[in-house]
PDB file of N, CA and C in Angstrom:
ATOM      1  N   MET A   1     198.341 110.000 114.603  1.00  0.00           N
ATOM      2  CA  MET A   1     196.969 109.940 114.405  1.00  0.00           C
ATOM      3  C   MET A   1     196.943 109.680 112.522  1.00  0.00           C
ATOM      4  N   PHE A   2     196.746 110.603 112.269  1.00  0.00           N
ATOM      5  CA  PHE A   2     196.652 109.900 110.634  1.00  0.00           C
ATOM      6  C   PHE A   2     197.092 111.009 109.475  1.00  0.00           C
ATOM      7  N   ILE A   3     197.361 110.457 108.067  1.00  0.00           N
ATOM      8  CA  ILE A   3     198.030 111.847 107.539  1.00  0.00           C
ATOM      9  C   ILE A   3     196.416 112.143 106.472  1.00  0.00           C
ATOM     10  N   ALA A   4     196.173 113.259 106.608  1.00  0.00           N
ATOM     11  CA  ALA A   4     195.046 113.335 106.721  1.00  0.00           C
ATOM     12  C   ALA A   4     195.577 113.493 104.185  1.00  0.00           C
ATOM     13  N   GLN A   5     194.630 113.236 103.918  1.00  0.00           N
ATOM     14  CA  GLN A   5     194.605 113.157 101.798  1.00  0.00           C
ATOM     15  C   GLN A   5     193.270 113.952 101.470  1.00  0.00           C
ATOM     16  N   THR A   6     193.034 114.864 101.984  1.00  0.00           N
ATOM     17  CA  THR A   6     191.502 115.580 101.476  1.00  0.00           C
ATOM     18  C   THR A   6     191.472 116.506 102.403  1.00  0.00           C
ATOM     19  N   ALA A   7     191.144 117.938 101.712  1.00  0.00           N
ATOM     20  CA  ALA A   7     190.901 119.081 102.870  1.00  0.00           C
ATOM     21  C   ALA A   7     189.374 118.929 103.727  1.00  0.00           C
ATOM     22  N   GLU A   8     189.157 117.831 103.662  1.00  0.00           N
ATOM     23  CA  GLU A   8     187.482 117.302 104.930  1.00  0.00           C
ATOM     24  C   GLU A   8     188.823 116.580 106.007  1.00  0.00           C
ATOM     25  N   GLN A   9     189.705 115.389 105.875  1.00  0.00           N
ATOM     26  CA  GLN A   9     190.150 115.342 106.388  1.00  0.00           C
ATOM     27  C   GLN A   9     190.916 115.921 107.091  1.00  0.00           C
ATOM     28  N   ALA A  10     191.771 117.170 106.964  1.00  0.00           N
ATOM     29  CA  ALA A  10     192.689 118.036 107.722  1.00  0.00           C
ATOM     30  C   ALA A  10     191.605 118.487 108.517  1.00  0.00           C
ATOM     31  N   LYS A  11     190.530 119.059 107.649  1.00  0.00           N
ATOM     32  CA  LYS A  11     189.612 119.567 109.096  1.00  0.00           C
ATOM     33  C   LYS A  11     189.055 118.850 110.161  1.00  0.00           C
ATOM     34  N   ILE A  12     189.059 117.277 109.965  1.00  0.00           N
ATOM     35  CA  ILE A  12     188.789 116.269 110.982  1.00  0.00           C
ATOM     36  C   ILE A  12     190.293 116.590 112.093  1.00  0.00           C
ATOM     37  N   ARG A  13     191.299 116.255 111.095  1.00  0.00           N
ATOM     38  CA  ARG A  13     192.303 115.880 112.068  1.00  0.00           C
ATOM     39  C   ARG A  13     192.773 116.637 113.139  1.00  0.00           C
ATOM     40  N   ALA A  14     192.292 118.081 112.793  1.00  0.00           N
ATOM     41  CA  ALA A  14     192.194 119.232 113.393  1.00  0.00           C
ATOM     42  C   ALA A  14     191.555 119.232 114.428  1.00  0.00           C
ATOM     43  N   TRP A  15     190.598 119.112 113.947  1.00  0.00           N
ATOM     44  CA  TRP A  15     189.506 118.847 115.323  1.00  0.00           C
ATOM     45  C   TRP A  15     189.236 117.979 116.462  1.00  0.00           C
ATOM     46  N   LEU A  16     189.818 116.659 115.887  1.00  0.00           N
ATOM     47  CA  LEU A  16     190.683 115.693 116.456  1.00  0.00           C
ATOM     48  C   LEU A  16     191.498 116.279 117.801  1.00  0.00           C
ATOM     49  N   GLU A  17     192.487 116.618 116.945  1.00  0.00           N
ATOM     50  CA  GLU A  17     193.372 117.340 118.432  1.00  0.00           C
ATOM     51  C   GLU A  17     192.994 118.275 119.110  1.00  0.00           C
ATOM     52  N   GLU A  18     192.123 118.607 118.901  1.00  0.00           N
ATOM     53  CA  GLU A  18     191.237 120.217 119.909  1.00  0.00           C
ATOM     54  C   GLU A  18     190.453 119.250 120.894  1.00  0.00           C
ATOM     55  N   GLN A  19     189.977 118.112 119.978  1.00  0.00           N
ATOM     56  CA  GLN A  19     189.150 117.284 121.717  1.00  0.00           C
ATOM     57  C   GLN A  19     189.401 116.557 122.178  1.00  0.00           C
ATOM     58  N   PHE A  20     190.388 115.967 122.090  1.00  0.00           N
ATOM     59  CA  PHE A  20     191.138 114.733 122.421  1.00  0.00           C
ATOM     60  C   PHE A  20     192.805 115.123 122.658  1.00  0.00           C
ATOM     61  N   GLN A  21     192.997 114.435 123.973  1.00  0.00           N
ATOM     62  CA  GLN A  21     194.396 114.056 124.434  1.00  0.00           C
ATOM     63  C   GLN A  21     194.703 112.939 123.314  1.00  0.00           C
ATOM     64  N   PRO A  22     195.851 113.597 123.192  1.00  0.00           N
ATOM     65  CA  PRO A  22     197.000 112.144 122.387  1.00  0.00           C
ATOM     66  C   PRO A  22     196.655 110.973 122.734  1.00  0.00           C
ATOM     67  N   ASP A  23     196.640 110.457 124.226  1.00  0.00           N
ATOM     68  CA  ASP A  23     196.122 109.026 124.409  1.00  0.00           C
ATOM     69  C   ASP A  23     194.306 108.370 124.966  1.00  0.00           C
ATOM     70  N   GLU A  24     193.985 109.767 124.764  1.00  0.00           N
ATOM     71  CA  GLU A  24     192.480 108.997 124.336  1.00  0.00           C
ATOM     72  C   GLU A  24     192.008 108.208 123.327  1.00  0.00           C
ATOM     73  N   LEU A  25     192.863 108.517 122.128  1.00  0.00           N
ATOM     74  CA  LEU A  25     192.044 107.501 120.731  1.00  0.00           C
ATOM     75  C   LEU A  25     193.275 106.224 120.893  1.00  0.00           C
ATOM     76  N   ARG A  26     192.462 104.972 120.362  1.00  0.00           N
ATOM     77  CA  ARG A  26     194.031 104.163 120.079  1.00  0.00           C
ATOM     78  C   ARG A  26     193.588 103.784 118.788  1.00  0.00           C
ATOM     79  N   ALA A  27     192.803 104.623 118.062  1.00  0.00           N
ATOM     80  CA  ALA A  27     193.146 104.573 116.436  1.00  0.00           C
ATOM     81  C   ALA A  27     192.422 104.929 115.891  1.00  0.00           C
ATOM     82  N   VAL A  28     192.758 105.356 114.726  1.00  0.00           N
ATOM     83  CA  VAL A  28     192.022 106.198 113.270  1.00  0.00           C
ATOM     84  C   VAL A  28     192.309 106.189 112.261  1.00  0.00           C
ATOM     85  N   GLU A  29     191.225 105.315 111.532  1.00  0.00           N
ATOM     86  CA  GLU A  29     191.436 105.033 110.413  1.00  0.00           C
ATOM     87  C   GLU A  29     190.028 105.525 109.454  1.00  0.00           C
ATOM     88  N   ILE A  30     191.043 105.811 108.065  1.00  0.00           N
ATOM     89  CA  ILE A  30     190.231 106.745 107.383  1.00  0.00           C
ATOM     90  C   ILE A  30     189.374 105.651 106.137  1.00  0.00           C
ATOM     91  N   VAL A  31     188.039 106.207 106.049  1.00  0.00           N
ATOM     92  CA  VAL A  31     186.787 105.198 105.959  1.00  0.00           C
ATOM     93  C   VAL A  31     186.597 105.897 104.530  1.00  0.00           C
ATOM     94  N   THR A  32     186.347 107.482 104.037  1.00  0.00           N
ATOM     95  CA  THR A  32     185.628 108.216 103.092  1.00  0.00           C
ATOM     96  C   THR A  32     186.727 109.056 103.022  1.00  0.00           C
ATOM     97  N   ARG A  33     186.219 110.191 101.707  1.00  0.00           N
ATOM     98  CA  ARG A  33     187.277 111.450 101.754  1.00  0.00           C
ATOM     99  C   ARG A  33     186.646 112.380 102.802  1.00  0.00           C
ATOM    100  N   ASN A  34     185.380 112.104 103.767  1.00  0.00           N
ATOM    101  CA  ASN A  34     185.024 113.265 104.569  1.00  0.00           C
ATOM    102  C   ASN A  34     184.922 112.521 105.886  1.00  0.00           C
ATOM    103  N   ALA A  35     185.520 111.065 106.015  1.00  0.00           N
ATOM    104  CA  ALA A  35     184.932 110.593 107.618  1.00  0.00           C
ATOM    105  C   ALA A  35     186.237 109.868 107.931  1.00  0.00           C
ATOM    106  N   VAL A  36     186.615 109.292 109.158  1.00  0.00           N
ATOM    107  CA  VAL A  36     187.207 108.860 109.776  1.00  0.00           C
ATOM    108  C   VAL A  36     186.578 108.127 110.993  1.00  0.00           C
ATOM    109  N   ARG A  37     187.360 106.692 111.114  1.00  0.00           N
ATOM    110  CA  ARG A  37     186.537 105.819 112.118  1.00  0.00           C
ATOM    111  C   ARG A  37     187.657 105.957 113.483  1.00  0.00           C
ATOM    112  N   ILE A  38     186.686 106.022 114.663  1.00  0.00           N
ATOM    113  CA  ILE A  38     188.338 106.912 115.537  1.00  0.00           C
ATOM    114  C   ILE A  38     187.748 105.350 116.594  1.00  0.00           C
ATOM    115  N   MET A  39     188.573 104.902 117.548  1.00  0.00           N
ATOM    116  CA  MET A  39     188.855 104.290 118.259  1.00  0.00           C
ATOM    117  C   MET A  39     188.752 104.862 119.951  1.00  0.00           C
ATOM    118  N   ASP A  40     188.716 105.039 120.723  1.00  0.00           N
ATOM    119  CA  ASP A  40     189.103 105.348 122.168  1.00  0.00           C
ATOM    120  C   ASP A  40     189.722 103.695 123.082  1.00  0.00           C
ATOM    121  N   ARG A  41     190.186 104.778 123.984  1.00  0.00           N
ATOM    122  CA  ARG A  41     191.501 103.332 125.193  1.00  0.00           C
ATOM    123  C   ARG A  41     190.086 102.505 125.588  1.00  0.00           C
ATOM    124  N   TYR A  42     188.439 102.785 125.155  1.00  0.00           N
ATOM    125  CA  TYR A  42     188.214 101.763 125.761  1.00  0.00           C
ATOM    126  C   TYR A  42     187.721 100.573 124.742  1.00  0.00           C
ATOM    127  N   HIS A  43     187.424 101.281 123.613  1.00  0.00           N
ATOM    128  CA  HIS A  43     187.365 100.024 122.763  1.00  0.00           C
ATOM    129  C   HIS A  43     186.181 100.503 121.478  1.00  0.00           C
ATOM    130  N   ASP A  44     185.977 101.592 122.559  1.00  0.00           N
ATOM    131  CA  ASP A  44     183.909 102.284 121.554  1.00  0.00           C
ATOM    132  C   ASP A  44     184.830 102.632 120.129  1.00  0.00           C
ATOM    133  N   ALA A  45     183.849 102.677 119.696  1.00  0.00           N
ATOM    134  CA  ALA A  45     184.198 103.515 117.832  1.00  0.00           C
ATOM    135  C   ALA A  45     182.537 104.201 117.541  1.00  0.00           C
ATOM    136  N   ALA A  46     183.351 105.035 116.860  1.00  0.00           N
ATOM    137  CA  ALA A  46     182.268 105.864 115.876  1.00  0.00           C
ATOM    138  C   ALA A  46     183.229 106.619 114.856  1.00  0.00           C
ATOM    139  N   LEU A  47     182.119 107.277 114.027  1.00  0.00           N
ATOM    140  CA  LEU A  47     182.306 108.144 112.886  1.00  0.00           C
ATOM    141  C   LEU A  47     182.535 109.353 112.941  1.00  0.00           C
ATOM    142  N   VAL A  48     184.184 109.774 112.610  1.00  0.00           N
ATOM    143  CA  VAL A  48     183.943 111.809 112.479  1.00  0.00           C
ATOM    144  C   VAL A  48     183.866 112.246 111.267  1.00  0.00           C
ATOM    145  N   VAL A  49     182.423 112.549 111.134  1.00  0.00           N
ATOM    146  CA  VAL A  49     182.115 113.442 109.842  1.00  0.00           C
ATOM    147  C   VAL A  49     182.573 114.607 109.703  1.00  0.00           C
ATOM    148  N   CYS A  50     182.361 114.795 108.116  1.00  0.00           N
ATOM    149  CA  CYS A  50     183.397 116.287 108.448  1.00  0.00           C
ATOM    150  C   CYS A  50     182.145 116.323 107.180  1.00  0.00           C
ATOM    151  N   ARG A  51     180.865 117.434 107.084  1.00  0.00           N
ATOM    152  CA  ARG A  51     180.013 117.573 106.841  1.00  0.00           C
ATOM    153  C   ARG A  51     180.805 118.318 105.188  1.00  0.00           C
ATOM    154  N   GLN A  52     179.728 118.916 104.422  1.00  0.00           N
ATOM    155  CA  GLN A  52     179.523 119.508 103.123  1.00  0.00           C
ATOM    156  C   GLN A  52     179.561 120.915 103.767  1.00  0.00           C
ATOM    157  N   ASP A  53     178.935 121.665 104.565  1.00  0.00           N
ATOM    158  CA  ASP A  53     178.958 123.141 105.026  1.00  0.00           C
ATOM    159  C   ASP A  53     180.185 123.134 106.319  1.00  0.00           C
ATOM    160  N   GLY A  54     181.251 121.929 106.442  1.00  0.00           N
ATOM    161  CA  GLY A  54     182.193 121.945 107.122  1.00  0.00           C
ATOM    162  C   GLY A  54     182.392 122.089 108.568  1.00  0.00           C
ATOM    163  N   ALA A  55     181.091 121.247 108.989  1.00  0.00           N
ATOM    164  CA  ALA A  55     180.815 121.333 110.219  1.00  0.00           C
ATOM    165  C   ALA A  55     181.158 120.442 110.257  1.00  0.00           C
ATOM    166  N   ILE A  56     181.604 119.416 111.683  1.00  0.00           N
ATOM    167  CA  ILE A  56     181.901 118.377 112.023  1.00  0.00           C
ATOM    168  C   ILE A  56     181.330 117.731 113.313  1.00  0.00           C
ATOM    169  N   GLU A  57     180.920 116.706 113.127  1.00  0.00           N
ATOM    170  CA  GLU A  57     180.431 115.779 113.631  1.00  0.00           C
ATOM    171  C   GLU A  57     180.934 114.397 113.515  1.00  0.00           C
ATOM    172  N   ILE A  58     180.280 113.455 115.246  1.00  0.00           N
ATOM    173  CA  ILE A  58     180.097 112.324 115.403  1.00  0.00           C
ATOM    174  C   ILE A  58     178.779 111.189 115.987  1.00  0.00           C
ATOM    175  N   VAL A  59     178.896 110.263 114.288  1.00  0.00           N
ATOM    176  CA  VAL A  59     177.925 109.945 114.739  1.00  0.00           C
ATOM    177  C   VAL A  59     178.735 108.370 115.162  1.00  0.00           C
ATOM    178  N   PRO A  60     177.512 107.745 115.475  1.00  0.00           N
ATOM    179  CA  PRO A  60     177.572 106.426 115.693  1.00  0.00           C
ATOM    180  C   PRO A  60     177.714 105.312 115.010  1.00  0.00           C
ATOM    181  N   ASP A  61     179.195 104.259 114.884  1.00  0.00           N
ATOM    182  CA  ASP A  61     179.976 103.704 113.660  1.00  0.00           C
ATOM    183  C   ASP A  61     179.099 103.260 113.202  1.00  0.00           C
ATOM    184  N   ASP A  62     177.449 102.969 113.353  1.00  0.00           N
ATOM    185  CA  ASP A  62     177.249 101.910 112.274  1.00  0.00           C
ATOM    186  C   ASP A  62     176.527 102.613 111.253  1.00  0.00           C
ATOM    187  N   ALA A  63     176.492 103.774 111.435  1.00  0.00           N
ATOM    188  CA  ALA A  63     175.558 104.780 110.373  1.00  0.00           C
ATOM    189  C   ALA A  63     176.927 105.095 109.261  1.00  0.00           C
ATOM    190  N   GLU A  64     175.360 105.443 108.531  1.00  0.00           N
ATOM    191  CA  GLU A  64     176.564 105.239 106.998  1.00  0.00           C
ATOM    192  C   GLU A  64     177.293 106.307 107.183  1.00  0.00           C
ATOM    193  N   ALA A  65     178.465 106.731 106.292  1.00  0.00           N
ATOM    194  CA  ALA A  65     179.089 108.107 106.154  1.00  0.00           C
ATOM    195  C   ALA A  65     178.795 108.381 104.524  1.00  0.00           C
ATOM    196  N   CYS A  66     178.243 109.855 105.008  1.00  0.00           N
ATOM    197  CA  CYS A  66     177.982 110.242 103.794  1.00  0.00           C
ATOM    198  C   CYS A  66     178.663 111.713 102.732  1.00  0.00           C
TER     199      CYS A  66
END
């Protein structure tokens, strides 16, 4: 997966582990302190963002991580 460097990234990692089987994600890349880019086995990419209120959401890859 990836090594979390912030509390937000740790929340994202835990969420990803609950949502996806290990073989479903091809790559996970840290983008910002509160966002990572995921790529599935079909090469579809998205951003997973941890919002200030702790909510985790998936947004299109072309969206800006805030």
